[in-house]
Amino acid sequence: MSELIVHASGIMIEPMVQEEKARIDFSKRLALACDKAGMPAHGRQAEIAKRMKLTPKAVSKWFNGEAIPRRGKLQELAAIIGTSSSHLLGDSAIDGISEGHLIMRDDSYRVDVFDIQASAGQGVLVRDEFIETIKSIEYSTEEARAVFGGRPAEHIKMIAVNGDSMSGTFEPRDQIFVDVSIDYFDGDGIYIFVLDNDLYIKRLQKQHKKLAVISDNKKYETWYIEDGDYASLRICAKVLVSQSRAYRFHS
């Protein structure tokens, strides 16, 4: 019996070593990304904790190789630094950080591009519904308050739509602004969501025990997510605002 116990404990060592290595590698990539972004080493953890509304102790675990943040906080952290969550996890060699990238001033409000693939998750088919046209937009705090209603900047992301299924509400290449903190059905509205490993942007409407999936372009039929399909539904964000990118020529 004692021999079996020793053998079983040995099996557990390798995953634990791999997890520890993943945490240490993450902390190294995090520190390098902060360096490139121009965040001073002294005070960077406190600054990140303040902006993410976390305790300094929680943030220090990321830098010390003790923990890796969960998906939502990871996206928040990446946005503050100016990189992507996939780079911090080691899935992408491209960090996307401009040399000397400055940390957002207290009197400004920066909205970064929505890392749609990272939010959707591995194995999800990201079709041509979305394109990246702008990396970030910076607003004054007063303007941001008027547009986004006092929501924290780390909750707001932007992406350009490419398909025509929501034509009439927004057109191809229009910029949409989403709240990534709303990862649940928050009443009728337009959502980015994953169902059976496919990514959609559609209007969701509660109808008794099912959700109607509505395309505002009437050439697409309405379909339904039944009660039994809810387990395979994952909401990534809720659309708040759209901005037209239509060009108007005057000469």
C-alpha atoms as a PDB file:
ATOM      1  CA  MET A   1       0.000   0.000   0.000  1.00  0.00           C
ATOM      2  CA  SER A   2       2.797   2.423   0.829  1.00  0.00           C
ATOM      3  CA  GLU A   3       4.352   1.813  -2.591  1.00  0.00           C
ATOM      4  CA  LEU A   4       1.086   2.808  -4.299  1.00  0.00           C
ATOM      5  CA  ILE A   5       0.906   6.066  -2.350  1.00  0.00           C
ATOM      6  CA  VAL A   6       4.423   7.079  -3.352  1.00  0.00           C
ATOM      7  CA  HIS A   7       3.704   6.225  -6.984  1.00  0.00           C
ATOM      8  CA  ALA A   8       0.456   8.251  -7.033  1.00  0.00           C
ATOM      9  CA  SER A   9       2.077  11.325  -5.500  1.00  0.00           C
ATOM     10  CA  GLY A  10       4.777  11.233  -8.155  1.00  0.00           C
ATOM     11  CA  ILE A  11       2.138  11.511 -10.876  1.00  0.00           C
ATOM     12  CA  MET A  12       1.026  14.853  -9.429  1.00  0.00           C
ATOM     13  CA  ILE A  13       4.476  16.445  -9.497  1.00  0.00           C
ATOM     14  CA  GLU A  14       4.695  17.152 -13.232  1.00  0.00           C
ATOM     15  CA  PRO A  15       1.420  19.180 -13.551  1.00  0.00           C
ATOM     16  CA  MET A  16       2.390  21.195 -10.466  1.00  0.00           C
ATOM     17  CA  VAL A  17       5.804  21.961 -11.968  1.00  0.00           C
ATOM     18  CA  GLN A  18       4.160  22.982 -15.246  1.00  0.00           C
ATOM     19  CA  GLU A  19       1.730  25.289 -13.442  1.00  0.00           C
ATOM     20  CA  GLU A  20       4.564  26.905 -11.505  1.00  0.00           C
ATOM     21  CA  LYS A  21       6.556  27.431 -14.719  1.00  0.00           C
ATOM     22  CA  ALA A  22       3.504  28.995 -16.404  1.00  0.00           C
ATOM     23  CA  ARG A  23       3.109  31.449 -13.510  1.00  0.00           C
ATOM     24  CA  ILE A  24       6.802  32.388 -13.543  1.00  0.00           C
ATOM     25  CA  ASP A  25       6.841  32.818 -17.329  1.00  0.00           C
ATOM     26  CA  PHE A  26       3.738  35.001 -17.070  1.00  0.00           C
ATOM     27  CA  SER A  27       5.379  37.219 -14.440  1.00  0.00           C
ATOM     28  CA  LYS A  28       8.439  37.680 -16.669  1.00  0.00           C
ATOM     29  CA  ARG A  29       6.348  38.637 -19.711  1.00  0.00           C
ATOM     30  CA  LEU A  30       4.304  40.994 -17.540  1.00  0.00           C
ATOM     31  CA  ALA A  31       7.407  42.775 -16.238  1.00  0.00           C
ATOM     32  CA  LEU A  32       8.899  43.096 -19.737  1.00  0.00           C
ATOM     33  CA  ALA A  33       5.624  44.460 -21.120  1.00  0.00           C
ATOM     34  CA  CYS A  34       5.471  47.047 -18.327  1.00  0.00           C
ATOM     35  CA  ASP A  35       9.080  48.058 -19.058  1.00  0.00           C
ATOM     36  CA  LYS A  36       8.347  48.533 -22.756  1.00  0.00           C
ATOM     37  CA  ALA A  37       5.175  50.472 -21.986  1.00  0.00           C
ATOM     38  CA  GLY A  38       7.243  52.918 -19.940  1.00  0.00           C
ATOM     39  CA  MET A  39       5.808  52.048 -16.532  1.00  0.00           C
ATOM     40  CA  PRO A  40       8.381  52.833 -13.829  1.00  0.00           C
ATOM     41  CA  ALA A  41       9.356  49.716 -11.874  1.00  0.00           C
ATOM     42  CA  HIS A  42       8.820  51.570  -8.606  1.00  0.00           C
ATOM     43  CA  GLY A  43       5.103  51.974  -7.990  1.00  0.00           C
ATOM     44  CA  ARG A  44       3.838  50.040 -11.023  1.00  0.00           C
ATOM     45  CA  GLN A  45       2.102  47.396  -8.923  1.00  0.00           C
ATOM     46  CA  ALA A  46       0.344  50.018  -6.811  1.00  0.00           C
ATOM     47  CA  GLU A  47      -0.702  51.920  -9.947  1.00  0.00           C
ATOM     48  CA  ILE A  48      -2.155  48.792 -11.553  1.00  0.00           C
ATOM     49  CA  ALA A  49      -3.929  47.842  -8.319  1.00  0.00           C
ATOM     50  CA  LYS A  50      -5.463  51.310  -8.086  1.00  0.00           C
ATOM     51  CA  ARG A  51      -6.696  51.307 -11.673  1.00  0.00           C
ATOM     52  CA  MET A  52      -8.075  47.777 -11.453  1.00  0.00           C
ATOM     53  CA  LYS A  53      -9.623  48.384  -8.018  1.00  0.00           C
ATOM     54  CA  LEU A  54      -7.700  45.477  -6.495  1.00  0.00           C
ATOM     55  CA  THR A  55      -5.498  45.125  -3.432  1.00  0.00           C
ATOM     56  CA  PRO A  56      -1.739  45.588  -4.006  1.00  0.00           C
ATOM     57  CA  LYS A  57      -1.257  42.096  -2.569  1.00  0.00           C
ATOM     58  CA  ALA A  58      -3.407  40.545  -5.314  1.00  0.00           C
ATOM     59  CA  VAL A  59      -1.434  42.333  -8.043  1.00  0.00           C
ATOM     60  CA  SER A  60       1.918  41.471  -6.450  1.00  0.00           C
ATOM     61  CA  LYS A  61       1.107  37.767  -6.902  1.00  0.00           C
ATOM     62  CA  TRP A  62       1.079  38.285 -10.695  1.00  0.00           C
ATOM     63  CA  PHE A  63       4.515  39.910 -10.621  1.00  0.00           C
ATOM     64  CA  ASN A  64       5.956  37.346  -8.195  1.00  0.00           C
ATOM     65  CA  GLY A  65       4.888  34.281 -10.177  1.00  0.00           C
ATOM     66  CA  GLU A  66       2.310  33.206  -7.602  1.00  0.00           C
ATOM     67  CA  ALA A  67      -0.823  33.589  -9.730  1.00  0.00           C
ATOM     68  CA  ILE A  68      -2.200  34.385 -13.192  1.00  0.00           C
ATOM     69  CA  PRO A  69      -5.312  36.596 -13.379  1.00  0.00           C
ATOM     70  CA  ARG A  70      -8.613  35.206 -14.608  1.00  0.00           C
ATOM     71  CA  ARG A  71      -9.825  36.058 -18.115  1.00  0.00           C
ATOM     72  CA  GLY A  72     -11.707  39.280 -17.324  1.00  0.00           C
ATOM     73  CA  LYS A  73      -8.941  40.725 -15.154  1.00  0.00           C
ATOM     74  CA  LEU A  74      -6.316  39.551 -17.640  1.00  0.00           C
ATOM     75  CA  GLN A  75      -7.957  41.585 -20.414  1.00  0.00           C
ATOM     76  CA  GLU A  76      -8.150  44.576 -18.084  1.00  0.00           C
ATOM     77  CA  LEU A  77      -4.468  44.250 -17.193  1.00  0.00           C
ATOM     78  CA  ALA A  78      -3.427  43.921 -20.840  1.00  0.00           C
ATOM     79  CA  ALA A  79      -5.433  47.025 -21.795  1.00  0.00           C
ATOM     80  CA  ILE A  80      -3.732  49.116 -19.101  1.00  0.00           C
ATOM     81  CA  ILE A  81      -0.293  48.122 -20.362  1.00  0.00           C
ATOM     82  CA  GLY A  82      -1.232  48.439 -24.032  1.00  0.00           C
ATOM     83  CA  THR A  83      -0.697  44.812 -25.005  1.00  0.00           C
ATOM     84  CA  SER A  84      -2.936  41.762 -25.504  1.00  0.00           C
ATOM     85  CA  SER A  85      -3.881  39.025 -23.079  1.00  0.00           C
ATOM     86  CA  SER A  86      -2.658  36.440 -25.605  1.00  0.00           C
ATOM     87  CA  HIS A  87       0.841  37.969 -25.466  1.00  0.00           C
ATOM     88  CA  LEU A  88       0.913  37.931 -21.668  1.00  0.00           C
ATOM     89  CA  LEU A  89      -0.090  34.264 -21.727  1.00  0.00           C
ATOM     90  CA  GLY A  90       2.663  33.468 -24.210  1.00  0.00           C
ATOM     91  CA  ASP A  91       0.287  32.584 -27.059  1.00  0.00           C
ATOM     92  CA  SER A  92       1.485  35.492 -29.227  1.00  0.00           C
ATOM     93  CA  ALA A  93       5.028  36.771 -29.701  1.00  0.00           C
ATOM     94  CA  ILE A  94       3.718  40.168 -30.834  1.00  0.00           C
ATOM     95  CA  ASP A  95       3.136  42.481 -27.885  1.00  0.00           C
ATOM     96  CA  GLY A  96       1.577  45.380 -29.829  1.00  0.00           C
ATOM     97  CA  ILE A  97       3.128  47.924 -27.453  1.00  0.00           C
ATOM     98  CA  SER A  98       4.530  51.136 -28.868  1.00  0.00           C
ATOM     99  CA  GLU A  99       7.946  51.963 -27.440  1.00  0.00           C
ATOM    100  CA  GLY A 100       7.510  54.333 -24.537  1.00  0.00           C
ATOM    101  CA  HIS A 101       3.746  53.819 -24.483  1.00  0.00           C
ATOM    102  CA  LEU A 102       2.544  56.262 -21.821  1.00  0.00           C
ATOM    103  CA  ILE A 103       0.176  55.300 -19.074  1.00  0.00           C
ATOM    104  CA  MET A 104      -3.162  57.041 -19.384  1.00  0.00           C
ATOM    105  CA  ARG A 105      -3.278  60.422 -17.683  1.00  0.00           C
ATOM    106  CA  ASP A 106      -5.740  61.014 -14.871  1.00  0.00           C
ATOM    107  CA  ASP A 107      -7.675  63.490 -17.058  1.00  0.00           C
ATOM    108  CA  SER A 108      -8.099  61.124 -20.007  1.00  0.00           C
ATOM    109  CA  TYR A 109     -10.115  58.013 -20.762  1.00  0.00           C
ATOM    110  CA  ARG A 110      -8.674  55.506 -23.218  1.00  0.00           C
ATOM    111  CA  VAL A 111     -10.706  52.848 -24.999  1.00  0.00           C
ATOM    112  CA  ASP A 112      -8.665  50.005 -26.491  1.00  0.00           C
ATOM    113  CA  VAL A 113      -9.498  47.527 -29.219  1.00  0.00           C
ATOM    114  CA  PHE A 114     -11.478  44.457 -28.137  1.00  0.00           C
ATOM    115  CA  ASP A 115      -9.293  41.340 -28.193  1.00  0.00           C
ATOM    116  CA  ILE A 116     -12.116  39.314 -29.679  1.00  0.00           C
ATOM    117  CA  GLN A 117     -10.236  36.034 -30.049  1.00  0.00           C
ATOM    118  CA  ALA A 118      -9.005  36.067 -26.457  1.00  0.00           C
ATOM    119  CA  SER A 119     -12.500  36.829 -25.203  1.00  0.00           C
ATOM    120  CA  ALA A 120     -14.128  34.133 -27.335  1.00  0.00           C
ATOM    121  CA  GLY A 121     -11.642  31.488 -26.200  1.00  0.00           C
ATOM    122  CA  GLN A 122      -9.594  28.816 -27.906  1.00  0.00           C
ATOM    123  CA  GLY A 123     -11.268  26.763 -30.627  1.00  0.00           C
ATOM    124  CA  VAL A 124     -13.926  29.381 -31.347  1.00  0.00           C
ATOM    125  CA  LEU A 125     -14.386  30.266 -35.005  1.00  0.00           C
ATOM    126  CA  VAL A 126     -14.010  34.048 -35.307  1.00  0.00           C
ATOM    127  CA  ARG A 127     -15.587  34.743 -38.655  1.00  0.00           C
ATOM    128  CA  ASP A 128     -15.335  37.931 -40.717  1.00  0.00           C
ATOM    129  CA  GLU A 129     -17.984  39.708 -38.633  1.00  0.00           C
ATOM    130  CA  PHE A 130     -15.298  41.898 -37.037  1.00  0.00           C
ATOM    131  CA  ILE A 131     -12.184  43.790 -38.155  1.00  0.00           C
ATOM    132  CA  GLU A 132      -9.598  45.907 -36.350  1.00  0.00           C
ATOM    133  CA  THR A 133      -9.339  49.397 -37.827  1.00  0.00           C
ATOM    134  CA  ILE A 134      -8.218  51.455 -34.808  1.00  0.00           C
ATOM    135  CA  LYS A 135      -6.041  50.387 -31.863  1.00  0.00           C
ATOM    136  CA  SER A 136      -7.370  52.887 -29.322  1.00  0.00           C
ATOM    137  CA  ILE A 137      -9.304  56.123 -28.877  1.00  0.00           C
ATOM    138  CA  GLU A 138      -8.712  58.610 -26.090  1.00  0.00           C
ATOM    139  CA  TYR A 139     -11.453  60.837 -24.683  1.00  0.00           C
ATOM    140  CA  SER A 140     -11.555  63.542 -22.082  1.00  0.00           C
ATOM    141  CA  THR A 141     -13.142  62.248 -18.883  1.00  0.00           C
ATOM    142  CA  GLU A 142     -16.069  64.629 -19.402  1.00  0.00           C
ATOM    143  CA  GLU A 143     -16.765  63.362 -22.922  1.00  0.00           C
ATOM    144  CA  ALA A 144     -16.358  59.734 -21.831  1.00  0.00           C
ATOM    145  CA  ARG A 145     -18.856  60.257 -19.039  1.00  0.00           C
ATOM    146  CA  ALA A 146     -21.391  61.584 -21.542  1.00  0.00           C
ATOM    147  CA  VAL A 147     -20.844  58.676 -23.956  1.00  0.00           C
ATOM    148  CA  PHE A 148     -20.311  55.755 -21.575  1.00  0.00           C
ATOM    149  CA  GLY A 149     -22.245  56.883 -18.522  1.00  0.00           C
ATOM    150  CA  GLY A 150     -19.475  56.707 -15.936  1.00  0.00           C
ATOM    151  CA  ARG A 151     -18.409  53.141 -16.703  1.00  0.00           C
ATOM    152  CA  PRO A 152     -14.718  52.405 -15.964  1.00  0.00           C
ATOM    153  CA  ALA A 153     -12.445  52.610 -19.016  1.00  0.00           C
ATOM    154  CA  GLU A 154     -11.235  49.046 -18.500  1.00  0.00           C
ATOM    155  CA  HIS A 155     -14.801  47.798 -19.055  1.00  0.00           C
ATOM    156  CA  ILE A 156     -15.170  49.495 -22.449  1.00  0.00           C
ATOM    157  CA  LYS A 157     -13.645  48.063 -25.631  1.00  0.00           C
ATOM    158  CA  MET A 158     -14.156  48.811 -29.306  1.00  0.00           C
ATOM    159  CA  ILE A 159     -14.196  46.824 -32.523  1.00  0.00           C
ATOM    160  CA  ALA A 160     -15.401  47.477 -36.078  1.00  0.00           C
ATOM    161  CA  VAL A 161     -18.180  45.336 -37.510  1.00  0.00           C
ATOM    162  CA  ASN A 162     -17.697  43.853 -40.956  1.00  0.00           C
ATOM    163  CA  GLY A 163     -20.830  41.830 -41.707  1.00  0.00           C
ATOM    164  CA  ASP A 164     -24.235  43.182 -42.719  1.00  0.00           C
ATOM    165  CA  SER A 165     -26.476  41.121 -40.434  1.00  0.00           C
ATOM    166  CA  MET A 166     -27.132  44.143 -38.190  1.00  0.00           C
ATOM    167  CA  SER A 167     -27.487  46.591 -41.079  1.00  0.00           C
ATOM    168  CA  GLY A 168     -29.999  49.276 -40.200  1.00  0.00           C
ATOM    169  CA  THR A 169     -28.570  49.594 -36.706  1.00  0.00           C
ATOM    170  CA  PHE A 170     -24.925  49.719 -37.716  1.00  0.00           C
ATOM    171  CA  GLU A 171     -23.243  49.227 -41.074  1.00  0.00           C
ATOM    172  CA  PRO A 172     -20.044  47.450 -42.160  1.00  0.00           C
ATOM    173  CA  ARG A 173     -16.934  49.251 -40.805  1.00  0.00           C
ATOM    174  CA  ASP A 174     -18.946  51.104 -38.152  1.00  0.00           C
ATOM    175  CA  GLN A 175     -17.168  51.206 -34.806  1.00  0.00           C
ATOM    176  CA  ILE A 176     -19.004  49.616 -31.883  1.00  0.00           C
ATOM    177  CA  PHE A 177     -18.247  50.084 -28.196  1.00  0.00           C
ATOM    178  CA  VAL A 178     -18.981  47.202 -25.841  1.00  0.00           C
ATOM    179  CA  ASP A 179     -18.977  46.590 -22.095  1.00  0.00           C
ATOM    180  CA  VAL A 180     -16.883  43.466 -21.446  1.00  0.00           C
ATOM    181  CA  SER A 181     -17.945  43.348 -17.792  1.00  0.00           C
ATOM    182  CA  ILE A 182     -21.422  42.289 -18.950  1.00  0.00           C
ATOM    183  CA  ASP A 183     -20.736  38.620 -19.623  1.00  0.00           C
ATOM    184  CA  TYR A 184     -24.299  37.521 -18.875  1.00  0.00           C
ATOM    185  CA  PHE A 185     -27.775  38.236 -20.286  1.00  0.00           C
ATOM    186  CA  ASP A 186     -28.572  41.699 -18.956  1.00  0.00           C
ATOM    187  CA  GLY A 187     -31.965  42.178 -20.576  1.00  0.00           C
ATOM    188  CA  ASP A 188     -32.870  42.671 -24.235  1.00  0.00           C
ATOM    189  CA  GLY A 189     -30.079  44.218 -26.278  1.00  0.00           C
ATOM    190  CA  ILE A 190     -27.254  43.578 -28.738  1.00  0.00           C
ATOM    191  CA  TYR A 191     -24.558  41.164 -27.580  1.00  0.00           C
ATOM    192  CA  ILE A 192     -21.374  39.541 -28.775  1.00  0.00           C
ATOM    193  CA  PHE A 193     -21.675  35.893 -27.798  1.00  0.00           C
ATOM    194  CA  VAL A 194     -20.403  32.393 -28.474  1.00  0.00           C
ATOM    195  CA  LEU A 195     -22.713  29.467 -29.167  1.00  0.00           C
ATOM    196  CA  ASP A 196     -21.385  26.012 -30.090  1.00  0.00           C
ATOM    197  CA  ASN A 197     -17.936  27.483 -30.865  1.00  0.00           C
ATOM    198  CA  ASP A 198     -19.333  30.085 -33.281  1.00  0.00           C
ATOM    199  CA  LEU A 199     -19.087  33.821 -32.562  1.00  0.00           C
ATOM    200  CA  TYR A 200     -22.065  36.108 -33.213  1.00  0.00           C
ATOM    201  CA  ILE A 201     -23.151  39.707 -32.854  1.00  0.00           C
ATOM    202  CA  LYS A 202     -26.942  39.736 -32.647  1.00  0.00           C
ATOM    203  CA  ARG A 203     -29.861  41.225 -30.812  1.00  0.00           C
ATOM    204  CA  LEU A 204     -31.043  38.937 -28.004  1.00  0.00           C
ATOM    205  CA  GLN A 205     -34.638  39.162 -26.816  1.00  0.00           C
ATOM    206  CA  LYS A 206     -36.147  37.126 -23.984  1.00  0.00           C
ATOM    207  CA  GLN A 207     -39.316  35.317 -25.059  1.00  0.00           C
ATOM    208  CA  HIS A 208     -40.717  33.156 -22.248  1.00  0.00           C
ATOM    209  CA  LYS A 209     -38.262  30.226 -21.877  1.00  0.00           C
ATOM    210  CA  LYS A 210     -36.117  30.962 -24.928  1.00  0.00           C
ATOM    211  CA  LEU A 211     -33.967  33.730 -26.387  1.00  0.00           C
ATOM    212  CA  ALA A 212     -34.790  35.111 -29.819  1.00  0.00           C
ATOM    213  CA  VAL A 213     -31.624  35.763 -31.852  1.00  0.00           C
ATOM    214  CA  ILE A 214     -32.496  38.676 -34.109  1.00  0.00           C
ATOM    215  CA  SER A 215     -30.603  40.185 -37.038  1.00  0.00           C
ATOM    216  CA  ASP A 216     -31.718  43.781 -37.573  1.00  0.00           C
ATOM    217  CA  ASN A 217     -31.160  43.223 -41.311  1.00  0.00           C
ATOM    218  CA  LYS A 218     -34.495  41.607 -42.189  1.00  0.00           C
ATOM    219  CA  LYS A 219     -33.038  39.419 -44.929  1.00  0.00           C
ATOM    220  CA  TYR A 220     -31.720  37.210 -42.098  1.00  0.00           C
ATOM    221  CA  GLU A 221     -34.260  35.078 -40.249  1.00  0.00           C
ATOM    222  CA  THR A 222     -34.747  35.112 -36.492  1.00  0.00           C
ATOM    223  CA  TRP A 223     -33.717  31.927 -34.723  1.00  0.00           C
ATOM    224  CA  TYR A 224     -33.899  30.781 -31.115  1.00  0.00           C
ATOM    225  CA  ILE A 225     -31.731  29.587 -28.266  1.00  0.00           C
ATOM    226  CA  GLU A 226     -33.884  27.113 -26.385  1.00  0.00           C
ATOM    227  CA  ASP A 227     -33.785  26.511 -22.649  1.00  0.00           C
ATOM    228  CA  GLY A 228     -31.689  23.360 -23.116  1.00  0.00           C
ATOM    229  CA  ASP A 229     -29.023  25.225 -25.129  1.00  0.00           C
ATOM    230  CA  TYR A 230     -28.171  27.806 -22.453  1.00  0.00           C
ATOM    231  CA  ALA A 231     -25.247  25.729 -21.186  1.00  0.00           C
ATOM    232  CA  SER A 232     -23.410  26.204 -24.497  1.00  0.00           C
ATOM    233  CA  LEU A 233     -24.088  29.972 -24.608  1.00  0.00           C
ATOM    234  CA  ARG A 234     -21.289  32.289 -23.473  1.00  0.00           C
ATOM    235  CA  ILE A 235     -21.779  36.045 -23.601  1.00  0.00           C
ATOM    236  CA  CYS A 236     -18.603  38.060 -24.215  1.00  0.00           C
ATOM    237  CA  ALA A 237     -19.916  41.634 -24.095  1.00  0.00           C
ATOM    238  CA  LYS A 238     -22.941  43.880 -24.525  1.00  0.00           C
ATOM    239  CA  VAL A 239     -22.979  46.573 -27.212  1.00  0.00           C
ATOM    240  CA  LEU A 240     -23.486  50.068 -25.805  1.00  0.00           C
ATOM    241  CA  VAL A 241     -22.775  52.572 -28.579  1.00  0.00           C
ATOM    242  CA  SER A 242     -21.978  52.592 -32.290  1.00  0.00           C
ATOM    243  CA  GLN A 243     -20.232  55.217 -34.369  1.00  0.00           C
ATOM    244  CA  SER A 244     -20.568  55.516 -38.143  1.00  0.00           C
ATOM    245  CA  ARG A 245     -17.415  55.274 -40.238  1.00  0.00           C
ATOM    246  CA  ALA A 246     -19.155  56.316 -43.468  1.00  0.00           C
ATOM    247  CA  TYR A 247     -17.090  58.679 -45.597  1.00  0.00           C
ATOM    248  CA  ARG A 248     -18.839  61.724 -47.035  1.00  0.00           C
ATOM    249  CA  PHE A 249     -16.988  63.541 -49.811  1.00  0.00           C
ATOM    250  CA  HIS A 250     -17.661  67.253 -50.232  1.00  0.00           C
ATOM    251  CA  SER A 251     -15.403  68.199 -53.136  1.00  0.00           C
END
